[in-house]
């Protein structure tokens, strides 16, 4: 299980400081790849419903984090509703990087520079563990959905929809 170690990302440090068990899963990231979540699922041999991507959205002018399965898409209306808002749209990638301290494709819901409201798709607790970005491309962290919610102060809601739906 994870320990604070040299080369640890802020996500790993946050989990270690919180006393939360996790497993680091790494793979060689292809610099030409732009489907970061799909690449993680493929390279780690995991079902894309169990690997989650971290997305930043603007909900009524306030940034929020959405954690949804790689196999699906974020339902912006559902995210807004889950946070008591009216409208949501995807955050500008440059703003997402600045607020989290991570680069796109490596944004973790954990250890962000600015703590943001976090909503995790309701499908996550259906797995013994899930994978989320560990804070850089080619690095995922495996942990329980409940531990992710505890570490981020997040809540669960139905915020994902089918990829083509």
N, C-alpha and C. Protein backbone atom coordinates (compact mmCIF):
# COMPACT_ATOMS: atom_id res chain seq x y z
N UNK A 1 0.84 -1.18 0.00
CA UNK A 1 0.00 0.00 0.00
C UNK A 1 0.88 1.24 0.00
N UNK A 2 0.27 2.36 -0.35
CA UNK A 2 1.04 3.58 -0.56
C UNK A 2 1.69 4.15 0.68
N UNK A 3 2.85 4.67 0.51
CA UNK A 3 3.59 5.36 1.57
C UNK A 3 4.14 6.65 0.99
N UNK A 4 4.41 7.61 1.86
CA UNK A 4 5.05 8.84 1.44
C UNK A 4 6.47 8.50 1.04
N UNK A 5 6.83 8.76 -0.18
CA UNK A 5 8.13 8.36 -0.68
C UNK A 5 8.66 9.39 -1.67
N UNK A 6 9.96 9.34 -1.94
CA UNK A 6 10.51 10.24 -2.96
C UNK A 6 9.76 10.04 -4.28
N UNK A 7 9.46 11.11 -4.96
CA UNK A 7 8.73 11.02 -6.22
C UNK A 7 7.23 10.93 -6.05
N UNK A 8 6.76 10.98 -4.82
CA UNK A 8 5.32 10.91 -4.58
C UNK A 8 4.66 12.18 -5.11
N UNK A 9 3.51 12.01 -5.72
CA UNK A 9 2.74 13.16 -6.21
C UNK A 9 1.95 13.75 -5.04
N UNK A 10 1.43 14.97 -5.20
CA UNK A 10 0.58 15.54 -4.15
C UNK A 10 -0.61 14.63 -3.81
N UNK A 11 -1.12 13.89 -4.80
CA UNK A 11 -2.24 12.96 -4.55
C UNK A 11 -1.80 11.86 -3.58
N UNK A 12 -0.63 11.30 -3.80
CA UNK A 12 -0.12 10.24 -2.93
C UNK A 12 0.16 10.77 -1.53
N UNK A 13 0.73 11.96 -1.47
CA UNK A 13 1.04 12.58 -0.18
C UNK A 13 -0.26 12.82 0.60
N UNK A 14 -1.29 13.32 -0.09
CA UNK A 14 -2.58 13.60 0.57
C UNK A 14 -3.16 12.31 1.15
N UNK A 15 -3.11 11.22 0.40
CA UNK A 15 -3.64 9.95 0.89
C UNK A 15 -2.82 9.41 2.05
N UNK A 16 -1.50 9.48 1.93
CA UNK A 16 -0.63 9.01 3.02
C UNK A 16 -0.87 9.81 4.29
N UNK A 17 -1.00 11.13 4.14
CA UNK A 17 -1.24 11.99 5.30
C UNK A 17 -2.59 11.71 5.95
N UNK A 18 -3.56 11.26 5.14
CA UNK A 18 -4.90 10.95 5.66
C UNK A 18 -4.97 9.53 6.20
N UNK A 19 -3.89 8.76 6.05
CA UNK A 19 -3.89 7.38 6.52
C UNK A 19 -4.75 6.46 5.69
N UNK A 20 -4.92 6.78 4.41
CA UNK A 20 -5.77 5.99 3.52
C UNK A 20 -4.90 5.05 2.69
N UNK A 21 -5.27 3.78 2.67
CA UNK A 21 -4.55 2.78 1.88
C UNK A 21 -4.84 2.98 0.40
N UNK A 22 -3.80 2.81 -0.41
CA UNK A 22 -3.95 2.90 -1.86
C UNK A 22 -2.83 2.11 -2.51
N UNK A 23 -3.04 1.79 -3.78
CA UNK A 23 -2.05 1.09 -4.57
C UNK A 23 -1.72 1.96 -5.77
N UNK A 24 -0.45 2.12 -6.06
CA UNK A 24 -0.01 2.89 -7.22
C UNK A 24 0.05 1.95 -8.42
N UNK A 25 -0.56 2.35 -9.50
CA UNK A 25 -0.54 1.59 -10.76
C UNK A 25 0.06 2.50 -11.83
N UNK A 26 1.19 2.10 -12.38
CA UNK A 26 1.81 2.94 -13.40
C UNK A 26 1.94 2.19 -14.72
N UNK A 27 2.07 2.96 -15.77
CA UNK A 27 2.25 2.43 -17.12
C UNK A 27 2.99 3.48 -17.92
N UNK A 28 3.50 3.08 -19.07
CA UNK A 28 4.22 4.01 -19.93
C UNK A 28 3.22 4.78 -20.78
N UNK A 29 3.14 6.08 -20.55
CA UNK A 29 2.21 6.93 -21.30
C UNK A 29 2.77 7.21 -22.69
N UNK A 30 1.94 7.06 -23.69
CA UNK A 30 2.31 7.38 -25.07
C UNK A 30 2.04 8.87 -25.28
N UNK A 31 3.08 9.67 -25.54
CA UNK A 31 2.89 11.11 -25.71
C UNK A 31 1.91 11.50 -26.83
N UNK A 32 1.69 10.59 -27.77
CA UNK A 32 0.75 10.87 -28.87
C UNK A 32 -0.70 10.60 -28.45
N UNK A 33 -0.91 9.94 -27.33
CA UNK A 33 -2.25 9.57 -26.87
C UNK A 33 -2.96 10.77 -26.25
N UNK A 34 -4.21 10.99 -26.67
CA UNK A 34 -5.01 12.07 -26.09
C UNK A 34 -6.21 11.55 -25.30
N UNK A 35 -6.53 10.26 -25.45
CA UNK A 35 -7.60 9.63 -24.66
C UNK A 35 -6.94 9.05 -23.41
N UNK A 36 -6.64 9.93 -22.46
CA UNK A 36 -5.85 9.56 -21.30
C UNK A 36 -6.50 8.46 -20.46
N UNK A 37 -7.80 8.58 -20.23
CA UNK A 37 -8.50 7.57 -19.44
C UNK A 37 -8.57 6.24 -20.14
N UNK A 38 -8.84 6.27 -21.44
CA UNK A 38 -8.89 5.04 -22.23
C UNK A 38 -7.54 4.36 -22.25
N UNK A 39 -6.49 5.15 -22.36
CA UNK A 39 -5.13 4.61 -22.34
C UNK A 39 -4.86 3.93 -20.99
N UNK A 40 -5.24 4.59 -19.89
CA UNK A 40 -5.01 4.02 -18.56
C UNK A 40 -5.72 2.67 -18.43
N UNK A 41 -6.98 2.61 -18.82
CA UNK A 41 -7.74 1.36 -18.72
C UNK A 41 -7.08 0.27 -19.55
N UNK A 42 -6.72 0.59 -20.77
CA UNK A 42 -6.09 -0.37 -21.68
C UNK A 42 -4.75 -0.86 -21.13
N UNK A 43 -3.89 0.08 -20.79
CA UNK A 43 -2.53 -0.26 -20.36
C UNK A 43 -2.51 -1.00 -19.03
N UNK A 44 -3.48 -0.72 -18.17
CA UNK A 44 -3.52 -1.38 -16.86
C UNK A 44 -4.38 -2.64 -16.88
N UNK A 45 -4.99 -2.93 -18.05
CA UNK A 45 -5.81 -4.13 -18.18
C UNK A 45 -7.07 -4.10 -17.32
N UNK A 46 -7.63 -2.90 -17.14
CA UNK A 46 -8.82 -2.73 -16.30
C UNK A 46 -10.04 -2.40 -17.15
N UNK A 47 -11.19 -2.79 -16.66
CA UNK A 47 -12.45 -2.44 -17.30
C UNK A 47 -12.62 -0.93 -17.23
N UNK A 48 -13.03 -0.32 -18.33
CA UNK A 48 -13.17 1.14 -18.39
C UNK A 48 -14.30 1.67 -17.51
N UNK A 49 -15.13 0.78 -16.95
CA UNK A 49 -16.16 1.24 -16.01
C UNK A 49 -15.59 1.39 -14.60
N UNK A 50 -14.40 0.83 -14.37
CA UNK A 50 -13.76 0.87 -13.06
C UNK A 50 -12.63 1.90 -12.98
N UNK A 51 -12.25 2.43 -14.13
CA UNK A 51 -11.23 3.48 -14.19
C UNK A 51 -11.99 4.80 -14.36
N UNK A 52 -11.69 5.77 -13.49
CA UNK A 52 -12.43 7.02 -13.47
C UNK A 52 -11.56 8.19 -13.90
N UNK A 53 -12.18 9.10 -14.66
CA UNK A 53 -11.47 10.30 -15.08
C UNK A 53 -11.92 11.47 -14.22
N UNK A 54 -11.02 12.43 -14.07
CA UNK A 54 -11.28 13.62 -13.27
C UNK A 54 -11.48 14.78 -14.22
N UNK A 55 -12.65 15.40 -14.13
CA UNK A 55 -12.98 16.52 -15.01
C UNK A 55 -13.32 17.74 -14.15
N UNK A 56 -12.96 18.91 -14.65
CA UNK A 56 -13.33 20.14 -13.96
C UNK A 56 -14.41 20.85 -14.76
N UNK A 57 -15.40 21.32 -14.04
CA UNK A 57 -16.51 22.03 -14.67
C UNK A 57 -16.77 23.31 -13.91
N UNK A 58 -17.36 24.25 -14.60
CA UNK A 58 -17.78 25.50 -14.01
C UNK A 58 -19.28 25.38 -13.77
N UNK A 59 -19.67 25.42 -12.50
CA UNK A 59 -21.08 25.32 -12.15
C UNK A 59 -21.52 26.69 -11.61
N UNK A 60 -22.30 27.40 -12.39
CA UNK A 60 -22.77 28.74 -12.01
C UNK A 60 -21.62 29.64 -11.55
N UNK A 61 -20.49 29.56 -12.26
CA UNK A 61 -19.36 30.44 -11.97
C UNK A 61 -18.39 29.92 -10.92
N UNK A 62 -18.61 28.70 -10.43
CA UNK A 62 -17.74 28.12 -9.41
C UNK A 62 -17.18 26.79 -9.94
N UNK A 63 -15.87 26.62 -9.84
CA UNK A 63 -15.27 25.38 -10.31
C UNK A 63 -15.62 24.21 -9.40
N UNK A 64 -15.81 23.04 -10.01
CA UNK A 64 -16.10 21.81 -9.28
C UNK A 64 -15.41 20.66 -9.99
N UNK A 65 -15.20 19.59 -9.24
CA UNK A 65 -14.56 18.38 -9.76
C UNK A 65 -15.63 17.30 -9.95
N UNK A 66 -15.59 16.65 -11.10
CA UNK A 66 -16.47 15.52 -11.39
C UNK A 66 -15.59 14.31 -11.65
N UNK A 67 -15.93 13.19 -11.03
CA UNK A 67 -15.17 11.95 -11.20
C UNK A 67 -16.13 10.93 -11.80
N UNK A 68 -15.89 10.59 -13.08
CA UNK A 68 -16.81 9.71 -13.81
C UNK A 68 -16.04 8.58 -14.49
N UNK A 69 -16.72 7.46 -14.77
CA UNK A 69 -16.04 6.34 -15.43
C UNK A 69 -15.51 6.74 -16.81
N UNK A 70 -14.36 6.21 -17.14
CA UNK A 70 -13.76 6.43 -18.46
C UNK A 70 -14.72 5.95 -19.55
N UNK A 71 -15.52 4.93 -19.26
CA UNK A 71 -16.45 4.36 -20.23
C UNK A 71 -17.64 5.28 -20.51
N UNK A 72 -17.81 6.34 -19.73
CA UNK A 72 -18.95 7.22 -19.91
C UNK A 72 -18.55 8.67 -20.14
N UNK A 73 -19.53 9.53 -20.03
CA UNK A 73 -19.33 10.97 -20.19
C UNK A 73 -19.96 11.68 -19.01
N UNK A 74 -19.49 12.87 -18.74
CA UNK A 74 -20.08 13.68 -17.69
C UNK A 74 -21.39 14.27 -18.16
N UNK A 75 -22.43 14.12 -17.35
CA UNK A 75 -23.72 14.75 -17.59
C UNK A 75 -23.69 16.09 -16.86
N UNK A 76 -23.47 17.16 -17.60
CA UNK A 76 -23.30 18.48 -17.00
C UNK A 76 -24.54 18.95 -16.24
N UNK A 77 -25.72 18.63 -16.76
CA UNK A 77 -26.95 19.02 -16.06
C UNK A 77 -27.05 18.30 -14.73
N UNK A 78 -26.70 17.02 -14.71
CA UNK A 78 -26.76 16.24 -13.47
C UNK A 78 -25.73 16.75 -12.46
N UNK A 79 -24.55 17.14 -12.95
CA UNK A 79 -23.53 17.70 -12.04
C UNK A 79 -24.04 19.00 -11.42
N UNK A 80 -24.59 19.87 -12.24
CA UNK A 80 -25.12 21.14 -11.73
C UNK A 80 -26.18 20.86 -10.67
N UNK A 81 -27.09 19.94 -10.96
CA UNK A 81 -28.15 19.61 -10.00
C UNK A 81 -27.57 19.04 -8.71
N UNK A 82 -26.55 18.18 -8.82
CA UNK A 82 -25.94 17.57 -7.64
C UNK A 82 -25.31 18.62 -6.72
N UNK A 83 -24.89 19.73 -7.31
CA UNK A 83 -24.25 20.79 -6.53
C UNK A 83 -25.21 21.95 -6.24
N UNK A 84 -26.49 21.76 -6.55
CA UNK A 84 -27.49 22.79 -6.29
C UNK A 84 -27.40 23.96 -7.24
N UNK A 85 -26.80 23.72 -8.41
CA UNK A 85 -26.66 24.79 -9.40
C UNK A 85 -27.65 24.65 -10.54
N UNK A 86 -27.59 25.64 -11.44
CA UNK A 86 -28.49 25.63 -12.59
C UNK A 86 -27.79 25.18 -13.86
N UNK A 87 -26.55 25.67 -14.08
CA UNK A 87 -25.84 25.39 -15.33
C UNK A 87 -24.41 25.00 -15.06
N UNK A 88 -23.92 24.14 -15.93
CA UNK A 88 -22.51 23.74 -15.84
C UNK A 88 -21.94 23.64 -17.25
N UNK A 89 -20.67 23.97 -17.37
CA UNK A 89 -19.95 23.74 -18.61
C UNK A 89 -18.52 23.35 -18.25
N UNK A 90 -17.86 22.70 -19.18
CA UNK A 90 -16.50 22.24 -18.92
C UNK A 90 -15.60 23.45 -18.67
N UNK A 91 -14.69 23.31 -17.72
CA UNK A 91 -13.75 24.38 -17.41
C UNK A 91 -12.68 24.47 -18.49
N UNK A 92 -12.16 25.66 -18.68
CA UNK A 92 -11.04 25.87 -19.59
C UNK A 92 -9.86 25.03 -19.09
N UNK A 93 -9.20 24.26 -19.97
CA UNK A 93 -8.09 23.41 -19.53
C UNK A 93 -6.97 24.18 -18.80
N UNK A 94 -6.68 25.39 -19.24
CA UNK A 94 -5.62 26.18 -18.58
C UNK A 94 -6.02 26.53 -17.15
N UNK A 95 -7.29 26.84 -16.94
CA UNK A 95 -7.79 27.15 -15.60
C UNK A 95 -7.75 25.88 -14.75
N UNK A 96 -8.15 24.75 -15.34
CA UNK A 96 -8.13 23.47 -14.62
C UNK A 96 -6.71 23.16 -14.14
N UNK A 97 -5.74 23.36 -15.00
CA UNK A 97 -4.35 23.09 -14.62
C UNK A 97 -3.88 24.03 -13.52
N UNK A 98 -4.22 25.29 -13.64
CA UNK A 98 -3.79 26.29 -12.66
C UNK A 98 -4.41 26.02 -11.28
N UNK A 99 -5.69 25.70 -11.24
CA UNK A 99 -6.38 25.49 -9.96
C UNK A 99 -6.00 24.17 -9.28
N UNK A 100 -5.68 23.15 -10.08
CA UNK A 100 -5.38 21.85 -9.49
C UNK A 100 -3.89 21.63 -9.26
N UNK A 101 -3.05 22.28 -10.06
CA UNK A 101 -1.62 22.05 -9.97
C UNK A 101 -1.18 20.85 -10.79
N UNK A 102 -2.09 20.28 -11.57
CA UNK A 102 -1.80 19.12 -12.41
C UNK A 102 -1.98 19.48 -13.88
N UNK A 103 -1.40 18.66 -14.77
CA UNK A 103 -1.60 18.86 -16.20
C UNK A 103 -2.78 18.03 -16.68
N UNK A 104 -3.45 18.51 -17.71
CA UNK A 104 -4.57 17.77 -18.31
C UNK A 104 -4.07 16.38 -18.69
N UNK A 105 -4.87 15.38 -18.38
CA UNK A 105 -4.47 14.00 -18.62
C UNK A 105 -3.82 13.40 -17.39
N UNK A 106 -3.52 14.24 -16.42
CA UNK A 106 -2.92 13.78 -15.17
C UNK A 106 -3.56 14.45 -13.97
N UNK A 107 -4.74 15.06 -14.18
CA UNK A 107 -5.41 15.74 -13.08
C UNK A 107 -6.02 14.70 -12.15
N UNK A 108 -5.60 14.75 -10.90
CA UNK A 108 -6.12 13.85 -9.88
C UNK A 108 -7.17 14.58 -9.07
N UNK A 109 -8.17 13.85 -8.58
CA UNK A 109 -9.14 14.49 -7.67
C UNK A 109 -8.52 14.73 -6.29
N UNK A 110 -7.34 14.18 -6.07
CA UNK A 110 -6.67 14.22 -4.77
C UNK A 110 -5.49 15.19 -4.78
N UNK A 111 -5.25 15.86 -3.66
CA UNK A 111 -4.07 16.69 -3.52
C UNK A 111 -4.02 17.90 -4.42
N UNK A 112 -5.17 18.44 -4.78
CA UNK A 112 -5.21 19.61 -5.65
C UNK A 112 -4.78 20.87 -4.89
N UNK A 113 -4.22 21.84 -5.62
CA UNK A 113 -3.78 23.09 -5.00
C UNK A 113 -4.94 23.82 -4.33
N UNK A 114 -6.09 23.82 -4.99
CA UNK A 114 -7.28 24.47 -4.46
C UNK A 114 -8.34 23.40 -4.24
N UNK A 115 -8.82 23.26 -3.03
CA UNK A 115 -9.84 22.23 -2.77
C UNK A 115 -11.17 22.69 -3.35
N UNK A 116 -11.74 21.85 -4.19
CA UNK A 116 -12.99 22.17 -4.88
C UNK A 116 -14.06 21.15 -4.50
N UNK A 117 -15.30 21.56 -4.62
CA UNK A 117 -16.41 20.62 -4.42
C UNK A 117 -16.22 19.47 -5.39
N UNK A 118 -16.38 18.25 -4.90
CA UNK A 118 -16.14 17.06 -5.70
C UNK A 118 -17.37 16.16 -5.69
N UNK A 119 -17.77 15.72 -6.88
CA UNK A 119 -18.88 14.78 -7.01
C UNK A 119 -18.36 13.56 -7.76
N UNK A 120 -18.59 12.40 -7.18
CA UNK A 120 -18.14 11.13 -7.73
C UNK A 120 -19.37 10.38 -8.23
N UNK A 121 -19.26 9.82 -9.44
CA UNK A 121 -20.43 9.11 -9.98
C UNK A 121 -20.85 7.97 -9.07
N UNK A 122 -22.13 7.79 -8.97
CA UNK A 122 -22.76 6.81 -8.08
C UNK A 122 -22.36 5.37 -8.41
N UNK A 123 -21.80 5.13 -9.58
CA UNK A 123 -21.37 3.78 -9.93
C UNK A 123 -20.10 3.37 -9.18
N UNK A 124 -19.33 4.32 -8.69
CA UNK A 124 -18.04 4.03 -8.06
C UNK A 124 -18.12 3.08 -6.87
N UNK A 125 -19.06 3.27 -5.93
CA UNK A 125 -19.10 2.36 -4.78
C UNK A 125 -19.50 0.92 -5.14
N UNK A 126 -19.90 0.69 -6.37
CA UNK A 126 -20.27 -0.65 -6.81
C UNK A 126 -19.06 -1.55 -7.04
N UNK A 127 -17.86 -1.00 -6.96
CA UNK A 127 -16.62 -1.76 -7.15
C UNK A 127 -15.86 -1.80 -5.82
N UNK A 128 -15.15 -2.90 -5.56
CA UNK A 128 -14.35 -2.95 -4.33
C UNK A 128 -13.31 -1.82 -4.31
N UNK A 129 -12.71 -1.55 -5.48
CA UNK A 129 -11.78 -0.43 -5.63
C UNK A 129 -11.98 0.17 -7.01
N UNK A 130 -11.58 1.43 -7.14
CA UNK A 130 -11.60 2.12 -8.44
C UNK A 130 -10.21 2.71 -8.67
N UNK A 131 -9.97 3.15 -9.89
CA UNK A 131 -8.71 3.80 -10.21
C UNK A 131 -8.98 5.24 -10.63
N UNK A 132 -8.17 6.15 -10.12
CA UNK A 132 -8.22 7.56 -10.52
C UNK A 132 -6.80 8.00 -10.83
N UNK A 133 -6.66 9.11 -11.50
CA UNK A 133 -5.32 9.61 -11.81
C UNK A 133 -4.55 9.85 -10.53
N UNK A 134 -3.27 9.49 -10.58
CA UNK A 134 -2.40 9.70 -9.44
C UNK A 134 -1.67 11.02 -9.46
N UNK A 135 -1.93 11.84 -10.48
CA UNK A 135 -1.32 13.16 -10.51
C UNK A 135 -0.35 13.39 -11.65
N UNK A 136 -0.19 12.40 -12.49
CA UNK A 136 0.58 12.61 -13.72
C UNK A 136 0.17 11.55 -14.73
N UNK A 137 0.41 11.84 -15.99
CA UNK A 137 0.07 10.88 -17.04
C UNK A 137 0.89 9.62 -16.83
N UNK A 138 0.22 8.47 -16.96
CA UNK A 138 0.90 7.19 -16.77
C UNK A 138 0.90 6.70 -15.34
N UNK A 139 0.12 7.36 -14.48
CA UNK A 139 0.09 6.98 -13.07
C UNK A 139 -1.33 7.04 -12.54
N UNK A 140 -1.82 5.92 -12.07
CA UNK A 140 -3.15 5.86 -11.46
C UNK A 140 -3.01 5.38 -10.02
N UNK A 141 -4.03 5.69 -9.23
CA UNK A 141 -4.10 5.25 -7.84
C UNK A 141 -5.36 4.42 -7.70
N UNK A 142 -5.20 3.26 -7.07
CA UNK A 142 -6.33 2.38 -6.81
C UNK A 142 -6.71 2.50 -5.33
N UNK A 143 -7.99 2.75 -5.08
CA UNK A 143 -8.48 2.90 -3.72
C UNK A 143 -9.98 2.67 -3.71
N UNK A 144 -10.57 2.60 -2.53
CA UNK A 144 -12.02 2.42 -2.47
C UNK A 144 -12.71 3.75 -2.76
N UNK A 145 -13.91 3.67 -3.31
CA UNK A 145 -14.68 4.88 -3.61
C UNK A 145 -14.98 5.66 -2.33
N UNK A 146 -15.26 4.95 -1.24
CA UNK A 146 -15.53 5.63 0.02
C UNK A 146 -14.30 6.39 0.52
N UNK A 147 -13.11 5.79 0.34
CA UNK A 147 -11.88 6.49 0.74
C UNK A 147 -11.65 7.71 -0.14
N UNK A 148 -11.98 7.61 -1.44
CA UNK A 148 -11.85 8.76 -2.32
C UNK A 148 -12.77 9.88 -1.85
N UNK A 149 -14.00 9.53 -1.53
CA UNK A 149 -14.95 10.54 -1.05
C UNK A 149 -14.46 11.17 0.25
N UNK A 150 -13.93 10.35 1.15
CA UNK A 150 -13.43 10.86 2.42
C UNK A 150 -12.24 11.81 2.20
N UNK A 151 -11.33 11.43 1.32
CA UNK A 151 -10.12 12.22 1.07
C UNK A 151 -10.41 13.54 0.36
N UNK A 152 -11.46 13.57 -0.45
CA UNK A 152 -11.78 14.78 -1.22
C UNK A 152 -12.92 15.59 -0.61
N UNK A 153 -13.59 15.02 0.40
CA UNK A 153 -14.79 15.67 0.92
C UNK A 153 -15.92 15.57 -0.08
N UNK A 154 -15.81 14.60 -0.97
CA UNK A 154 -16.76 14.46 -2.07
C UNK A 154 -18.05 13.76 -1.70
N UNK A 155 -19.00 13.85 -2.62
CA UNK A 155 -20.29 13.19 -2.47
C UNK A 155 -20.53 12.33 -3.70
N UNK A 156 -21.51 11.44 -3.60
CA UNK A 156 -21.88 10.57 -4.72
C UNK A 156 -23.19 11.04 -5.34
N UNK A 157 -23.25 11.01 -6.67
CA UNK A 157 -24.47 11.35 -7.40
C UNK A 157 -24.38 10.72 -8.79
N UNK A 158 -25.53 10.55 -9.41
CA UNK A 158 -25.58 10.00 -10.77
C UNK A 158 -25.22 11.13 -11.75
N UNK A 159 -23.93 11.23 -12.08
CA UNK A 159 -23.46 12.33 -12.95
C UNK A 159 -22.86 11.84 -14.26
N UNK A 160 -22.89 10.53 -14.51
CA UNK A 160 -22.34 9.99 -15.76
C UNK A 160 -23.48 9.56 -16.68
N UNK A 161 -23.20 9.61 -17.97
CA UNK A 161 -24.13 9.08 -18.95
C UNK A 161 -23.33 8.27 -19.95
N UNK A 162 -24.03 7.48 -20.77
CA UNK A 162 -23.36 6.64 -21.76
C UNK A 162 -22.56 7.50 -22.71
N UNK A 163 -21.46 6.94 -23.20
CA UNK A 163 -20.53 7.66 -24.08
C UNK A 163 -21.24 8.34 -25.26
N UNK A 164 -22.22 7.66 -25.84
CA UNK A 164 -22.91 8.25 -27.00
C UNK A 164 -24.36 8.59 -26.67
N UNK A 165 -24.61 8.94 -25.40
CA UNK A 165 -25.99 9.16 -25.02
C UNK A 165 -26.30 10.45 -24.45
